[in-house]
Amino acid sequence: MLARDRGPPEALLLRGQHLPVRVRLVYLLLTTKDRHAELTQDGQLIYHLPLSRKNIASLIAARPETVTRAIKELGEDGVAVFHNRKVVVPNPAKLYEEARVEM
């Protein structure tokens, strides 16, 4: 019964190892949005992350190389573009769509 219970959205973080790295990275962005992002007048989210890629990898339980690949994929798909510690999310709706994962 507990395995099938979806619980609150935060419970997905407890099952993090079973989620793709790309999704874990998106969850990290969404959970840090209130503290490290600002919404511009044209609707973009601009993050100023106080974390290196190595720290991000540690937080989401992934290898740094895998995080780098996920960052590249998110940029190519136009979801989130990383420039060192600055992250630009041109369309926040795409970021939220990435977070919707069926398990």
N, C-alpha and C. Protein backbone atom coordinates (compact mmCIF):
# COMPACT_ATOMS: atom_id res chain seq x y z
N MET A 1 0.83 -1.19 0.00
CA MET A 1 0.00 0.00 0.00
C MET A 1 0.88 1.26 0.00
N LEU A 2 1.93 1.28 0.81
CA LEU A 2 2.80 2.44 0.86
C LEU A 2 3.52 2.68 -0.46
N ALA A 3 3.86 1.62 -1.16
CA ALA A 3 4.56 1.76 -2.43
C ALA A 3 3.67 2.41 -3.49
N ARG A 4 2.37 2.18 -3.42
CA ARG A 4 1.45 2.76 -4.40
C ARG A 4 0.94 4.13 -4.01
N ASP A 5 1.07 4.50 -2.75
CA ASP A 5 0.59 5.79 -2.27
C ASP A 5 1.46 6.91 -2.85
N ARG A 6 0.84 7.82 -3.57
CA ARG A 6 1.59 8.92 -4.17
C ARG A 6 1.94 9.99 -3.14
N GLY A 7 1.11 10.16 -2.14
CA GLY A 7 1.40 11.12 -1.08
C GLY A 7 1.51 12.54 -1.61
N PRO A 8 2.05 13.43 -0.79
CA PRO A 8 2.20 14.83 -1.22
C PRO A 8 3.29 14.94 -2.28
N PRO A 9 3.28 16.05 -3.04
CA PRO A 9 4.29 16.23 -4.09
C PRO A 9 5.72 16.14 -3.57
N GLU A 10 5.95 16.55 -2.33
CA GLU A 10 7.29 16.50 -1.77
C GLU A 10 7.79 15.07 -1.62
N ALA A 11 6.86 14.12 -1.57
CA ALA A 11 7.26 12.72 -1.41
C ALA A 11 8.06 12.22 -2.60
N LEU A 12 7.92 12.87 -3.75
CA LEU A 12 8.72 12.47 -4.91
C LEU A 12 10.20 12.63 -4.63
N LEU A 13 10.56 13.57 -3.79
CA LEU A 13 11.97 13.75 -3.46
C LEU A 13 12.50 12.53 -2.70
N LEU A 14 11.63 11.84 -1.96
CA LEU A 14 12.05 10.65 -1.25
C LEU A 14 12.34 9.50 -2.21
N ARG A 15 11.68 9.52 -3.38
CA ARG A 15 11.91 8.49 -4.39
C ARG A 15 12.89 8.98 -5.45
N GLY A 16 13.68 9.97 -5.11
CA GLY A 16 14.56 10.63 -6.06
C GLY A 16 15.48 9.74 -6.84
N GLN A 17 16.00 8.69 -6.23
CA GLN A 17 16.93 7.84 -6.94
C GLN A 17 16.28 7.12 -8.10
N HIS A 18 14.98 7.05 -8.10
CA HIS A 18 14.26 6.36 -9.18
C HIS A 18 13.83 7.30 -10.29
N LEU A 19 14.04 8.58 -10.09
CA LEU A 19 13.69 9.57 -11.11
C LEU A 19 14.90 9.84 -11.99
N PRO A 20 14.68 10.19 -13.26
CA PRO A 20 15.81 10.57 -14.11
C PRO A 20 16.51 11.82 -13.56
N VAL A 21 17.79 11.94 -13.83
CA VAL A 21 18.58 13.07 -13.34
C VAL A 21 17.98 14.38 -13.83
N ARG A 22 17.51 14.39 -15.07
CA ARG A 22 16.90 15.60 -15.63
C ARG A 22 15.74 16.07 -14.75
N VAL A 23 14.90 15.14 -14.33
CA VAL A 23 13.74 15.49 -13.49
C VAL A 23 14.20 15.94 -12.11
N ARG A 24 15.20 15.27 -11.55
CA ARG A 24 15.72 15.70 -10.25
C ARG A 24 16.28 17.11 -10.31
N LEU A 25 16.93 17.44 -11.42
CA LEU A 25 17.47 18.79 -11.61
C LEU A 25 16.33 19.81 -11.70
N VAL A 26 15.28 19.46 -12.40
CA VAL A 26 14.11 20.35 -12.50
C VAL A 26 13.49 20.55 -11.12
N TYR A 27 13.36 19.47 -10.34
CA TYR A 27 12.82 19.60 -8.99
C TYR A 27 13.68 20.53 -8.13
N LEU A 28 14.99 20.43 -8.29
CA LEU A 28 15.88 21.32 -7.55
C LEU A 28 15.61 22.77 -7.92
N LEU A 29 15.45 23.04 -9.20
CA LEU A 29 15.14 24.41 -9.64
C LEU A 29 13.80 24.88 -9.06
N LEU A 30 12.81 24.00 -9.10
CA LEU A 30 11.49 24.40 -8.60
C LEU A 30 11.49 24.62 -7.10
N THR A 31 12.25 23.82 -6.36
CA THR A 31 12.26 24.00 -4.91
C THR A 31 13.08 25.21 -4.47
N THR A 32 13.98 25.68 -5.32
CA THR A 32 14.78 26.85 -4.98
C THR A 32 14.26 28.13 -5.62
N LYS A 33 13.15 28.02 -6.32
CA LYS A 33 12.61 29.17 -7.07
C LYS A 33 12.33 30.37 -6.18
N ASP A 34 11.67 30.17 -5.06
CA ASP A 34 11.29 31.30 -4.21
C ASP A 34 12.50 32.04 -3.64
N ARG A 35 13.57 31.31 -3.45
CA ARG A 35 14.74 31.89 -2.81
C ARG A 35 15.79 32.43 -3.78
N HIS A 36 15.89 31.80 -4.95
CA HIS A 36 17.01 32.13 -5.83
C HIS A 36 16.60 32.55 -7.25
N ALA A 37 15.32 32.79 -7.46
CA ALA A 37 14.89 33.17 -8.81
C ALA A 37 14.04 34.42 -8.76
N GLU A 38 14.06 35.12 -9.88
CA GLU A 38 13.20 36.30 -10.01
C GLU A 38 12.49 36.21 -11.36
N LEU A 39 11.27 36.67 -11.39
CA LEU A 39 10.47 36.68 -12.60
C LEU A 39 10.65 38.02 -13.29
N THR A 40 11.06 37.98 -14.55
CA THR A 40 11.28 39.22 -15.29
C THR A 40 9.96 39.72 -15.87
N GLN A 41 9.96 40.92 -16.41
CA GLN A 41 8.75 41.49 -16.98
C GLN A 41 8.27 40.71 -18.20
N ASP A 42 9.19 40.09 -18.92
CA ASP A 42 8.79 39.32 -20.10
C ASP A 42 8.45 37.87 -19.77
N GLY A 43 8.34 37.51 -18.49
CA GLY A 43 7.87 36.19 -18.07
C GLY A 43 8.94 35.14 -17.91
N GLN A 44 10.20 35.51 -18.00
CA GLN A 44 11.28 34.55 -17.80
C GLN A 44 11.63 34.45 -16.32
N LEU A 45 12.11 33.28 -15.94
CA LEU A 45 12.65 33.10 -14.60
C LEU A 45 14.17 33.17 -14.72
N ILE A 46 14.79 33.97 -13.87
CA ILE A 46 16.25 34.07 -13.84
C ILE A 46 16.71 33.60 -12.47
N TYR A 47 17.48 32.52 -12.46
CA TYR A 47 18.04 31.98 -11.21
C TYR A 47 19.47 32.47 -11.04
N HIS A 48 19.84 32.69 -9.81
CA HIS A 48 21.22 32.96 -9.42
C HIS A 48 21.54 31.92 -8.36
N LEU A 49 21.99 30.75 -8.82
CA LEU A 49 22.22 29.63 -7.91
C LEU A 49 23.55 29.78 -7.17
N PRO A 50 23.53 29.55 -5.87
CA PRO A 50 24.77 29.63 -5.10
C PRO A 50 25.51 28.28 -5.07
N LEU A 51 25.30 27.47 -6.11
CA LEU A 51 25.85 26.12 -6.13
C LEU A 51 26.67 25.87 -7.38
N SER A 52 27.75 25.14 -7.23
CA SER A 52 28.50 24.69 -8.39
C SER A 52 27.82 23.42 -8.93
N ARG A 53 28.22 23.00 -10.11
CA ARG A 53 27.65 21.77 -10.68
C ARG A 53 27.98 20.57 -9.82
N LYS A 54 29.13 20.58 -9.21
CA LYS A 54 29.51 19.48 -8.32
C LYS A 54 28.58 19.43 -7.11
N ASN A 55 28.24 20.59 -6.56
CA ASN A 55 27.30 20.65 -5.43
C ASN A 55 25.90 20.23 -5.85
N ILE A 56 25.50 20.65 -7.04
CA ILE A 56 24.19 20.25 -7.56
C ILE A 56 24.14 18.73 -7.68
N ALA A 57 25.20 18.14 -8.22
CA ALA A 57 25.26 16.69 -8.37
C ALA A 57 25.12 16.00 -7.01
N SER A 58 25.78 16.52 -6.00
CA SER A 58 25.68 15.94 -4.66
C SER A 58 24.27 16.04 -4.12
N LEU A 59 23.63 17.18 -4.33
CA LEU A 59 22.28 17.38 -3.82
C LEU A 59 21.25 16.45 -4.45
N ILE A 60 21.43 16.16 -5.73
CA ILE A 60 20.43 15.33 -6.41
C ILE A 60 20.90 13.89 -6.57
N ALA A 61 21.99 13.54 -5.90
CA ALA A 61 22.51 12.17 -5.89
C ALA A 61 22.81 11.67 -7.30
N ALA A 62 23.64 12.43 -7.99
CA ALA A 62 24.02 12.06 -9.36
C ALA A 62 25.50 12.37 -9.56
N ARG A 63 26.07 11.80 -10.58
CA ARG A 63 27.46 12.08 -10.92
C ARG A 63 27.54 13.43 -11.64
N PRO A 64 28.60 14.18 -11.43
CA PRO A 64 28.73 15.49 -12.08
C PRO A 64 28.62 15.42 -13.61
N GLU A 65 29.16 14.35 -14.22
CA GLU A 65 29.07 14.22 -15.68
C GLU A 65 27.63 14.06 -16.14
N THR A 66 26.85 13.33 -15.35
CA THR A 66 25.44 13.11 -15.68
C THR A 66 24.66 14.41 -15.55
N VAL A 67 24.97 15.19 -14.53
CA VAL A 67 24.33 16.49 -14.34
C VAL A 67 24.68 17.41 -15.51
N THR A 68 25.92 17.38 -15.95
CA THR A 68 26.33 18.21 -17.08
C THR A 68 25.55 17.83 -18.33
N ARG A 69 25.35 16.54 -18.56
CA ARG A 69 24.56 16.10 -19.72
C ARG A 69 23.10 16.57 -19.60
N ALA A 70 22.53 16.45 -18.40
CA ALA A 70 21.14 16.87 -18.19
C ALA A 70 21.00 18.38 -18.39
N ILE A 71 21.99 19.14 -17.95
CA ILE A 71 21.98 20.59 -18.13
C ILE A 71 22.02 20.93 -19.62
N LYS A 72 22.85 20.22 -20.36
CA LYS A 72 22.94 20.44 -21.80
C LYS A 72 21.61 20.11 -22.49
N GLU A 73 20.99 19.00 -22.11
CA GLU A 73 19.71 18.61 -22.70
C GLU A 73 18.62 19.64 -22.40
N LEU A 74 18.57 20.12 -21.16
CA LEU A 74 17.56 21.13 -20.80
C LEU A 74 17.76 22.39 -21.63
N GLY A 75 19.00 22.77 -21.88
CA GLY A 75 19.29 23.94 -22.70
C GLY A 75 18.89 23.73 -24.15
N GLU A 76 19.21 22.55 -24.70
CA GLU A 76 18.87 22.25 -26.09
C GLU A 76 17.36 22.21 -26.30
N ASP A 77 16.62 21.76 -25.29
CA ASP A 77 15.17 21.69 -25.39
C ASP A 77 14.48 23.00 -25.04
N GLY A 78 15.26 24.01 -24.66
CA GLY A 78 14.70 25.32 -24.35
C GLY A 78 13.97 25.39 -23.02
N VAL A 79 14.25 24.45 -22.14
CA VAL A 79 13.59 24.44 -20.83
C VAL A 79 14.33 25.36 -19.86
N ALA A 80 15.65 25.18 -19.76
CA ALA A 80 16.47 25.99 -18.86
C ALA A 80 17.87 26.09 -19.45
N VAL A 81 18.37 27.30 -19.56
CA VAL A 81 19.70 27.53 -20.12
C VAL A 81 20.64 27.95 -18.99
N PHE A 82 21.67 27.16 -18.79
CA PHE A 82 22.62 27.39 -17.70
C PHE A 82 23.82 28.16 -18.24
N HIS A 83 24.19 29.23 -17.54
CA HIS A 83 25.40 30.01 -17.80
C HIS A 83 26.13 30.10 -16.47
N ASN A 84 27.01 29.13 -16.21
CA ASN A 84 27.67 29.02 -14.91
C ASN A 84 26.61 28.92 -13.81
N ARG A 85 26.51 29.90 -12.94
CA ARG A 85 25.53 29.82 -11.84
C ARG A 85 24.24 30.59 -12.14
N LYS A 86 24.15 31.15 -13.31
CA LYS A 86 22.93 31.84 -13.73
C LYS A 86 22.15 30.89 -14.64
N VAL A 87 20.86 30.77 -14.35
CA VAL A 87 20.00 29.88 -15.13
C VAL A 87 18.82 30.71 -15.64
N VAL A 88 18.58 30.63 -16.95
CA VAL A 88 17.47 31.35 -17.56
C VAL A 88 16.42 30.32 -17.98
N VAL A 89 15.21 30.53 -17.49
CA VAL A 89 14.08 29.68 -17.87
C VAL A 89 13.16 30.55 -18.71
N PRO A 90 13.24 30.42 -20.05
CA PRO A 90 12.46 31.30 -20.92
C PRO A 90 10.95 31.14 -20.76
N ASN A 91 10.51 29.91 -20.51
CA ASN A 91 9.08 29.64 -20.37
C ASN A 91 8.88 28.77 -19.13
N PRO A 92 8.52 29.36 -17.99
CA PRO A 92 8.36 28.58 -16.76
C PRO A 92 7.36 27.43 -16.88
N ALA A 93 6.39 27.54 -17.77
CA ALA A 93 5.42 26.46 -17.96
C ALA A 93 6.11 25.18 -18.41
N LYS A 94 7.16 25.31 -19.23
CA LYS A 94 7.92 24.13 -19.67
C LYS A 94 8.63 23.47 -18.50
N LEU A 95 9.12 24.27 -17.58
CA LEU A 95 9.80 23.74 -16.40
C LEU A 95 8.82 22.93 -15.56
N TYR A 96 7.61 23.46 -15.36
CA TYR A 96 6.61 22.73 -14.60
C TYR A 96 6.17 21.47 -15.33
N GLU A 97 6.09 21.52 -16.63
CA GLU A 97 5.71 20.34 -17.41
C GLU A 97 6.76 19.24 -17.26
N GLU A 98 8.02 19.60 -17.21
CA GLU A 98 9.10 18.62 -17.01
C GLU A 98 8.96 17.90 -15.68
N ALA A 99 8.40 18.58 -14.69
CA ALA A 99 8.29 18.02 -13.35
C ALA A 99 7.15 17.00 -13.22
N ARG A 100 6.27 16.97 -14.18
CA ARG A 100 5.14 16.03 -14.10
C ARG A 100 5.59 14.67 -14.59
N VAL A 101 5.83 13.81 -13.61
CA VAL A 101 6.34 12.47 -13.92
C VAL A 101 5.38 11.45 -13.33
N GLU A 102 5.01 10.49 -14.14
CA GLU A 102 4.18 9.38 -13.65
C GLU A 102 5.08 8.25 -13.21
N MET A 103 4.85 7.76 -12.03
CA MET A 103 5.67 6.65 -11.53
C MET A 103 4.79 5.46 -11.29
